[in-house]
Amino acid sequence: MGYLVELIAKALVDNPDQVHVNEVEGSSTITIELRVAPEDMGKVIGKQGRIAKAIRTVVKAAATKESKKVIVEIL
């Protein structure tokens, strides 16, 4: 799942080398932490959070195969 978030984020930002994804796996949940450069934060979040919501929707759809809950945090 982390690779999917990293791939999407790198396509959106101006500084793809500053995209860092950390995946923390629990018993029933996976938390994916996304860090980008401060100047790229708006591009990842989008107007009214639309892009962030779309990223979460795509990851949630991909996670249904593993039957785990996925949380995407943009830090």
PDB file of N, CA and C in Angstrom:
ATOM      1  N   MET A   1       0.817  -1.199   0.000  1.00  0.00           N
ATOM      2  CA  MET A   1       0.000   0.000   0.000  1.00  0.00           C
ATOM      3  C   MET A   1       0.858   1.259   0.000  1.00  0.00           C
ATOM      4  N   GLY A   2       1.965   1.219   0.706  1.00  0.00           N
ATOM      5  CA  GLY A   2       2.842   2.376   0.777  1.00  0.00           C
ATOM      6  C   GLY A   2       3.398   2.754  -0.574  1.00  0.00           C
ATOM      7  N   TYR A   3       3.687   1.732  -1.383  1.00  0.00           N
ATOM      8  CA  TYR A   3       4.217   1.991  -2.718  1.00  0.00           C
ATOM      9  C   TYR A   3       3.194   2.725  -3.573  1.00  0.00           C
ATOM     10  N   LEU A   4       1.933   2.370  -3.440  1.00  0.00           N
ATOM     11  CA  LEU A   4       0.865   3.025  -4.200  1.00  0.00           C
ATOM     12  C   LEU A   4       0.752   4.502  -3.834  1.00  0.00           C
ATOM     13  N   VAL A   5       0.796   4.809  -2.540  1.00  0.00           N
ATOM     14  CA  VAL A   5       0.726   6.199  -2.076  1.00  0.00           C
ATOM     15  C   VAL A   5       1.947   6.974  -2.566  1.00  0.00           C
ATOM     16  N   GLU A   6       3.111   6.337  -2.499  1.00  0.00           N
ATOM     17  CA  GLU A   6       4.343   6.996  -2.955  1.00  0.00           C
ATOM     18  C   GLU A   6       4.284   7.290  -4.450  1.00  0.00           C
ATOM     19  N   LEU A   7       3.779   6.364  -5.225  1.00  0.00           N
ATOM     20  CA  LEU A   7       3.672   6.543  -6.673  1.00  0.00           C
ATOM     21  C   LEU A   7       2.736   7.698  -7.020  1.00  0.00           C
ATOM     22  N   ILE A   8       1.608   7.774  -6.363  1.00  0.00           N
ATOM     23  CA  ILE A   8       0.646   8.853  -6.607  1.00  0.00           C
ATOM     24  C   ILE A   8       1.228  10.197  -6.187  1.00  0.00           C
ATOM     25  N   ALA A   9       1.849  10.241  -5.006  1.00  0.00           N
ATOM     26  CA  ALA A   9       2.389  11.498  -4.484  1.00  0.00           C
ATOM     27  C   ALA A   9       3.521  12.018  -5.360  1.00  0.00           C
ATOM     28  N   LYS A  10       4.395  11.142  -5.826  1.00  0.00           N
ATOM     29  CA  LYS A  10       5.509  11.582  -6.661  1.00  0.00           C
ATOM     30  C   LYS A  10       5.029  12.151  -7.990  1.00  0.00           C
ATOM     31  N   ALA A  11       3.890  11.671  -8.475  1.00  0.00           N
ATOM     32  CA  ALA A  11       3.335  12.194  -9.720  1.00  0.00           C
ATOM     33  C   ALA A  11       2.729  13.585  -9.527  1.00  0.00           C
ATOM     34  N   LEU A  12       2.361  13.925  -8.305  1.00  0.00           N
ATOM     35  CA  LEU A  12       1.691  15.193  -8.042  1.00  0.00           C
ATOM     36  C   LEU A  12       2.641  16.347  -7.714  1.00  0.00           C
ATOM     37  N   VAL A  13       3.760  16.066  -7.078  1.00  0.00           N
ATOM     38  CA  VAL A  13       4.601  17.113  -6.502  1.00  0.00           C
ATOM     39  C   VAL A  13       5.698  17.580  -7.460  1.00  0.00           C
ATOM     40  N   ASP A  14       6.302  18.733  -7.124  1.00  0.00           N
ATOM     41  CA  ASP A  14       7.428  19.266  -7.893  1.00  0.00           C
ATOM     42  C   ASP A  14       8.755  18.666  -7.442  1.00  0.00           C
ATOM     43  N   ASN A  15       8.831  18.240  -6.186  1.00  0.00           N
ATOM     44  CA  ASN A  15      10.055  17.656  -5.629  1.00  0.00           C
ATOM     45  C   ASN A  15       9.819  16.191  -5.270  1.00  0.00           C
ATOM     46  N   PRO A  16       9.828  15.279  -6.244  1.00  0.00           N
ATOM     47  CA  PRO A  16       9.528  13.877  -5.932  1.00  0.00           C
ATOM     48  C   PRO A  16      10.584  13.207  -5.060  1.00  0.00           C
ATOM     49  N   ASP A  17      11.792  13.767  -5.010  1.00  0.00           N
ATOM     50  CA  ASP A  17      12.835  13.171  -4.174  1.00  0.00           C
ATOM     51  C   ASP A  17      12.591  13.430  -2.685  1.00  0.00           C
ATOM     52  N   GLN A  18      11.685  14.351  -2.354  1.00  0.00           N
ATOM     53  CA  GLN A  18      11.388  14.657  -0.954  1.00  0.00           C
ATOM     54  C   GLN A  18      10.111  13.975  -0.464  1.00  0.00           C
ATOM     55  N   VAL A  19       9.596  13.030  -1.237  1.00  0.00           N
ATOM     56  CA  VAL A  19       8.417  12.268  -0.827  1.00  0.00           C
ATOM     57  C   VAL A  19       8.888  11.070  -0.006  1.00  0.00           C
ATOM     58  N   HIS A  20       8.364  10.963   1.217  1.00  0.00           N
ATOM     59  CA  HIS A  20       8.728   9.854   2.098  1.00  0.00           C
ATOM     60  C   HIS A  20       7.448   9.203   2.615  1.00  0.00           C
ATOM     61  N   VAL A  21       7.397   7.889   2.520  1.00  0.00           N
ATOM     62  CA  VAL A  21       6.233   7.142   2.975  1.00  0.00           C
ATOM     63  C   VAL A  21       6.676   6.147   4.040  1.00  0.00           C
ATOM     64  N   ASN A  22       5.968   6.151   5.160  1.00  0.00           N
ATOM     65  CA  ASN A  22       6.237   5.212   6.241  1.00  0.00           C
ATOM     66  C   ASN A  22       4.974   4.401   6.476  1.00  0.00           C
ATOM     67  N   GLU A  23       5.114   3.090   6.497  1.00  0.00           N
ATOM     68  CA  GLU A  23       3.965   2.208   6.651  1.00  0.00           C
ATOM     69  C   GLU A  23       4.060   1.504   8.005  1.00  0.00           C
ATOM     70  N   VAL A  24       3.047   1.707   8.846  1.00  0.00           N
ATOM     71  CA  VAL A  24       2.997   1.086  10.162  1.00  0.00           C
ATOM     72  C   VAL A  24       1.831   0.101  10.167  1.00  0.00           C
ATOM     73  N   GLU A  25       2.149  -1.172  10.341  1.00  0.00           N
ATOM     74  CA  GLU A  25       1.111  -2.194  10.264  1.00  0.00           C
ATOM     75  C   GLU A  25       0.731  -2.681  11.651  1.00  0.00           C
ATOM     76  N   GLY A  26      -0.553  -2.614  11.944  1.00  0.00           N
ATOM     77  CA  GLY A  26      -1.084  -3.117  13.203  1.00  0.00           C
ATOM     78  C   GLY A  26      -1.792  -4.439  12.966  1.00  0.00           C
ATOM     79  N   SER A  27      -2.559  -4.890  13.945  1.00  0.00           N
ATOM     80  CA  SER A  27      -3.239  -6.177  13.816  1.00  0.00           C
ATOM     81  C   SER A  27      -4.363  -6.126  12.779  1.00  0.00           C
ATOM     82  N   SER A  28      -5.122  -5.042  12.769  1.00  0.00           N
ATOM     83  CA  SER A  28      -6.227  -4.950  11.813  1.00  0.00           C
ATOM     84  C   SER A  28      -6.180  -3.680  10.973  1.00  0.00           C
ATOM     85  N   THR A  29      -5.199  -2.826  11.203  1.00  0.00           N
ATOM     86  CA  THR A  29      -5.105  -1.577  10.450  1.00  0.00           C
ATOM     87  C   THR A  29      -3.691  -1.376   9.912  1.00  0.00           C
ATOM     88  N   ILE A  30      -3.615  -0.626   8.856  1.00  0.00           N
ATOM     89  CA  ILE A  30      -2.342  -0.195   8.289  1.00  0.00           C
ATOM     90  C   ILE A  30      -2.378   1.324   8.251  1.00  0.00           C
ATOM     91  N   THR A  31      -1.402   1.971   8.869  1.00  0.00           N
ATOM     92  CA  THR A  31      -1.309   3.424   8.847  1.00  0.00           C
ATOM     93  C   THR A  31      -0.177   3.808   7.908  1.00  0.00           C
ATOM     94  N   ILE A  32      -0.498   4.619   6.920  1.00  0.00           N
ATOM     95  CA  ILE A  32       0.486   5.075   5.949  1.00  0.00           C
ATOM     96  C   ILE A  32       0.705   6.566   6.189  1.00  0.00           C
ATOM     97  N   GLU A  33       1.942   6.914   6.529  1.00  0.00           N
ATOM     98  CA  GLU A  33       2.296   8.308   6.778  1.00  0.00           C
ATOM     99  C   GLU A  33       3.013   8.856   5.556  1.00  0.00           C
ATOM    100  N   LEU A  34       2.495   9.945   5.009  1.00  0.00           N
ATOM    101  CA  LEU A  34       3.057  10.571   3.814  1.00  0.00           C
ATOM    102  C   LEU A  34       3.661  11.914   4.189  1.00  0.00           C
ATOM    103  N   ARG A  35       4.929  12.093   3.858  1.00  0.00           N
ATOM    104  CA  ARG A  35       5.617  13.370   4.090  1.00  0.00           C
ATOM    105  C   ARG A  35       6.098  13.906   2.751  1.00  0.00           C
ATOM    106  N   VAL A  36       5.814  15.185   2.503  1.00  0.00           N
ATOM    107  CA  VAL A  36       6.277  15.856   1.291  1.00  0.00           C
ATOM    108  C   VAL A  36       6.930  17.175   1.690  1.00  0.00           C
ATOM    109  N   ALA A  37       7.561  17.823   0.730  1.00  0.00           N
ATOM    110  CA  ALA A  37       8.166  19.132   0.981  1.00  0.00           C
ATOM    111  C   ALA A  37       7.055  20.130   1.341  1.00  0.00           C
ATOM    112  N   PRO A  38       7.357  21.100   2.205  1.00  0.00           N
ATOM    113  CA  PRO A  38       6.319  22.064   2.620  1.00  0.00           C
ATOM    114  C   PRO A  38       5.663  22.801   1.451  1.00  0.00           C
ATOM    115  N   GLU A  39       6.439  23.104   0.406  1.00  0.00           N
ATOM    116  CA  GLU A  39       5.851  23.822  -0.728  1.00  0.00           C
ATOM    117  C   GLU A  39       4.958  22.933  -1.593  1.00  0.00           C
ATOM    118  N   ASP A  40       5.040  21.614  -1.430  1.00  0.00           N
ATOM    119  CA  ASP A  40       4.204  20.680  -2.188  1.00  0.00           C
ATOM    120  C   ASP A  40       2.977  20.217  -1.413  1.00  0.00           C
ATOM    121  N   MET A  41       2.844  20.667  -0.176  1.00  0.00           N
ATOM    122  CA  MET A  41       1.742  20.210   0.670  1.00  0.00           C
ATOM    123  C   MET A  41       0.382  20.519   0.042  1.00  0.00           C
ATOM    124  N   GLY A  42       0.234  21.696  -0.530  1.00  0.00           N
ATOM    125  CA  GLY A  42      -1.036  22.077  -1.151  1.00  0.00           C
ATOM    126  C   GLY A  42      -1.391  21.219  -2.347  1.00  0.00           C
ATOM    127  N   LYS A  43      -0.386  20.759  -3.066  1.00  0.00           N
ATOM    128  CA  LYS A  43      -0.645  19.917  -4.240  1.00  0.00           C
ATOM    129  C   LYS A  43      -1.128  18.538  -3.840  1.00  0.00           C
ATOM    130  N   VAL A  44      -0.680  18.053  -2.703  1.00  0.00           N
ATOM    131  CA  VAL A  44      -1.096  16.734  -2.240  1.00  0.00           C
ATOM    132  C   VAL A  44      -2.473  16.794  -1.578  1.00  0.00           C
ATOM    133  N   ILE A  45      -2.764  17.903  -0.900  1.00  0.00           N
ATOM    134  CA  ILE A  45      -4.058  18.030  -0.228  1.00  0.00           C
ATOM    135  C   ILE A  45      -5.138  18.461  -1.214  1.00  0.00           C
ATOM    136  N   GLY A  46      -4.850  19.430  -2.056  1.00  0.00           N
ATOM    137  CA  GLY A  46      -5.827  19.898  -3.036  1.00  0.00           C
ATOM    138  C   GLY A  46      -6.827  20.862  -2.439  1.00  0.00           C
ATOM    139  N   LYS A  47      -7.633  21.456  -3.300  1.00  0.00           N
ATOM    140  CA  LYS A  47      -8.663  22.381  -2.833  1.00  0.00           C
ATOM    141  C   LYS A  47      -9.703  21.625  -2.032  1.00  0.00           C
ATOM    142  N   GLN A  48      -9.940  22.116  -0.827  1.00  0.00           N
ATOM    143  CA  GLN A  48     -10.901  21.529   0.112  1.00  0.00           C
ATOM    144  C   GLN A  48     -10.610  20.055   0.380  1.00  0.00           C
ATOM    145  N   GLY A  49      -9.355  19.635   0.209  1.00  0.00           N
ATOM    146  CA  GLY A  49      -8.958  18.266   0.518  1.00  0.00           C
ATOM    147  C   GLY A  49      -9.385  17.223  -0.487  1.00  0.00           C
ATOM    148  N   ARG A  50      -9.706  17.645  -1.693  1.00  0.00           N
ATOM    149  CA  ARG A  50     -10.225  16.698  -2.687  1.00  0.00           C
ATOM    150  C   ARG A  50      -9.186  15.676  -3.130  1.00  0.00           C
ATOM    151  N   ILE A  51      -7.956  16.106  -3.338  1.00  0.00           N
ATOM    152  CA  ILE A  51      -6.925  15.172  -3.789  1.00  0.00           C
ATOM    153  C   ILE A  51      -6.579  14.195  -2.667  1.00  0.00           C
ATOM    154  N   ALA A  52      -6.480  14.687  -1.438  1.00  0.00           N
ATOM    155  CA  ALA A  52      -6.211  13.812  -0.298  1.00  0.00           C
ATOM    156  C   ALA A  52      -7.320  12.773  -0.146  1.00  0.00           C
ATOM    157  N   LYS A  53      -8.544  13.196  -0.330  1.00  0.00           N
ATOM    158  CA  LYS A  53      -9.675  12.271  -0.237  1.00  0.00           C
ATOM    159  C   LYS A  53      -9.625  11.232  -1.357  1.00  0.00           C
ATOM    160  N   ALA A  54      -9.221  11.650  -2.551  1.00  0.00           N
ATOM    161  CA  ALA A  54      -9.111  10.722  -3.669  1.00  0.00           C
ATOM    162  C   ALA A  54      -8.006   9.689  -3.430  1.00  0.00           C
ATOM    163  N   ILE A  55      -6.883  10.135  -2.865  1.00  0.00           N
ATOM    164  CA  ILE A  55      -5.796   9.210  -2.538  1.00  0.00           C
ATOM    165  C   ILE A  55      -6.281   8.185  -1.525  1.00  0.00           C
ATOM    166  N   ARG A  56      -6.990   8.643  -0.510  1.00  0.00           N
ATOM    167  CA  ARG A  56      -7.502   7.722   0.513  1.00  0.00           C
ATOM    168  C   ARG A  56      -8.497   6.733  -0.081  1.00  0.00           C
ATOM    169  N   THR A  57      -9.325   7.185  -1.016  1.00  0.00           N
ATOM    170  CA  THR A  57     -10.312   6.310  -1.649  1.00  0.00           C
ATOM    171  C   THR A  57      -9.635   5.228  -2.471  1.00  0.00           C
ATOM    172  N   VAL A  58      -8.615   5.594  -3.236  1.00  0.00           N
ATOM    173  CA  VAL A  58      -7.892   4.614  -4.062  1.00  0.00           C
ATOM    174  C   VAL A  58      -7.202   3.582  -3.181  1.00  0.00           C
ATOM    175  N   VAL A  59      -6.563   4.040  -2.113  1.00  0.00           N
ATOM    176  CA  VAL A  59      -5.856   3.119  -1.223  1.00  0.00           C
ATOM    177  C   VAL A  59      -6.847   2.214  -0.497  1.00  0.00           C
ATOM    178  N   LYS A  60      -7.975   2.766  -0.098  1.00  0.00           N
ATOM    179  CA  LYS A  60      -8.987   1.954   0.578  1.00  0.00           C
ATOM    180  C   LYS A  60      -9.528   0.870  -0.355  1.00  0.00           C
ATOM    181  N   ALA A  61      -9.702   1.211  -1.630  1.00  0.00           N
ATOM    182  CA  ALA A  61     -10.167   0.221  -2.593  1.00  0.00           C
ATOM    183  C   ALA A  61      -9.129  -0.874  -2.796  1.00  0.00           C
ATOM    184  N   ALA A  62      -7.860  -0.510  -2.818  1.00  0.00           N
ATOM    185  CA  ALA A  62      -6.796  -1.502  -2.980  1.00  0.00           C
ATOM    186  C   ALA A  62      -6.655  -2.374  -1.740  1.00  0.00           C
ATOM    187  N   ALA A  63      -7.024  -1.855  -0.585  1.00  0.00           N
ATOM    188  CA  ALA A  63      -6.875  -2.591   0.673  1.00  0.00           C
ATOM    189  C   ALA A  63      -7.988  -3.599   0.912  1.00  0.00           C
ATOM    190  N   THR A  64      -9.039  -3.555   0.133  1.00  0.00           N
ATOM    191  CA  THR A  64     -10.132  -4.502   0.350  1.00  0.00           C
ATOM    192  C   THR A  64      -9.686  -5.935   0.100  1.00  0.00           C
ATOM    193  N   LYS A  65      -8.667  -6.138  -0.728  1.00  0.00           N
ATOM    194  CA  LYS A  65      -8.153  -7.481  -0.971  1.00  0.00           C
ATOM    195  C   LYS A  65      -7.537  -8.081   0.291  1.00  0.00           C
ATOM    196  N   GLU A  66      -6.918  -7.250   1.094  1.00  0.00           N
ATOM    197  CA  GLU A  66      -6.263  -7.716   2.315  1.00  0.00           C
ATOM    198  C   GLU A  66      -7.211  -7.696   3.505  1.00  0.00           C
ATOM    199  N   SER A  67      -8.397  -7.197   3.317  1.00  0.00           N
ATOM    200  CA  SER A  67      -9.421  -7.045   4.366  1.00  0.00           C
ATOM    201  C   SER A  67      -8.860  -6.386   5.628  1.00  0.00           C
ATOM    202  N   LYS A  68      -8.122  -5.294   5.411  1.00  0.00           N
ATOM    203  CA  LYS A  68      -7.610  -4.486   6.507  1.00  0.00           C
ATOM    204  C   LYS A  68      -8.047  -3.046   6.304  1.00  0.00           C
ATOM    205  N   LYS A  69      -8.134  -2.309   7.387  1.00  0.00           N
ATOM    206  CA  LYS A  69      -8.472  -0.897   7.324  1.00  0.00           C
ATOM    207  C   LYS A  69      -7.189  -0.101   7.108  1.00  0.00           C
ATOM    208  N   VAL A  70      -7.214   0.822   6.167  1.00  0.00           N
ATOM    209  CA  VAL A  70      -6.041   1.622   5.855  1.00  0.00           C
ATOM    210  C   VAL A  70      -6.313   3.089   6.200  1.00  0.00           C
ATOM    211  N   ILE A  71      -5.361   3.685   6.898  1.00  0.00           N
ATOM    212  CA  ILE A  71      -5.447   5.102   7.263  1.00  0.00           C
ATOM    213  C   ILE A  71      -4.283   5.814   6.602  1.00  0.00           C
ATOM    214  N   VAL A  72      -4.567   6.844   5.812  1.00  0.00           N
ATOM    215  CA  VAL A  72      -3.519   7.631   5.161  1.00  0.00           C
ATOM    216  C   VAL A  72      -3.429   8.969   5.887  1.00  0.00           C
ATOM    217  N   GLU A  73      -2.258   9.243   6.455  1.00  0.00           N
ATOM    218  CA  GLU A  73      -2.019  10.508   7.146  1.00  0.00           C
ATOM    219  C   GLU A  73      -1.013  11.320   6.347  1.00  0.00           C
ATOM    220  N   ILE A  74      -1.351  12.575   6.099  1.00  0.00           N
ATOM    221  CA  ILE A  74      -0.428  13.479   5.402  1.00  0.00           C
ATOM    222  C   ILE A  74       0.182  14.372   6.468  1.00  0.00           C
ATOM    223  N   LEU A  75       1.497  14.224   6.664  1.00  0.00           N
ATOM    224  CA  LEU A  75       2.186  14.937   7.733  1.00  0.00           C
ATOM    225  C   LEU A  75       2.985  16.092   7.194  1.00  0.00           C
TER     226      LEU A  75
END
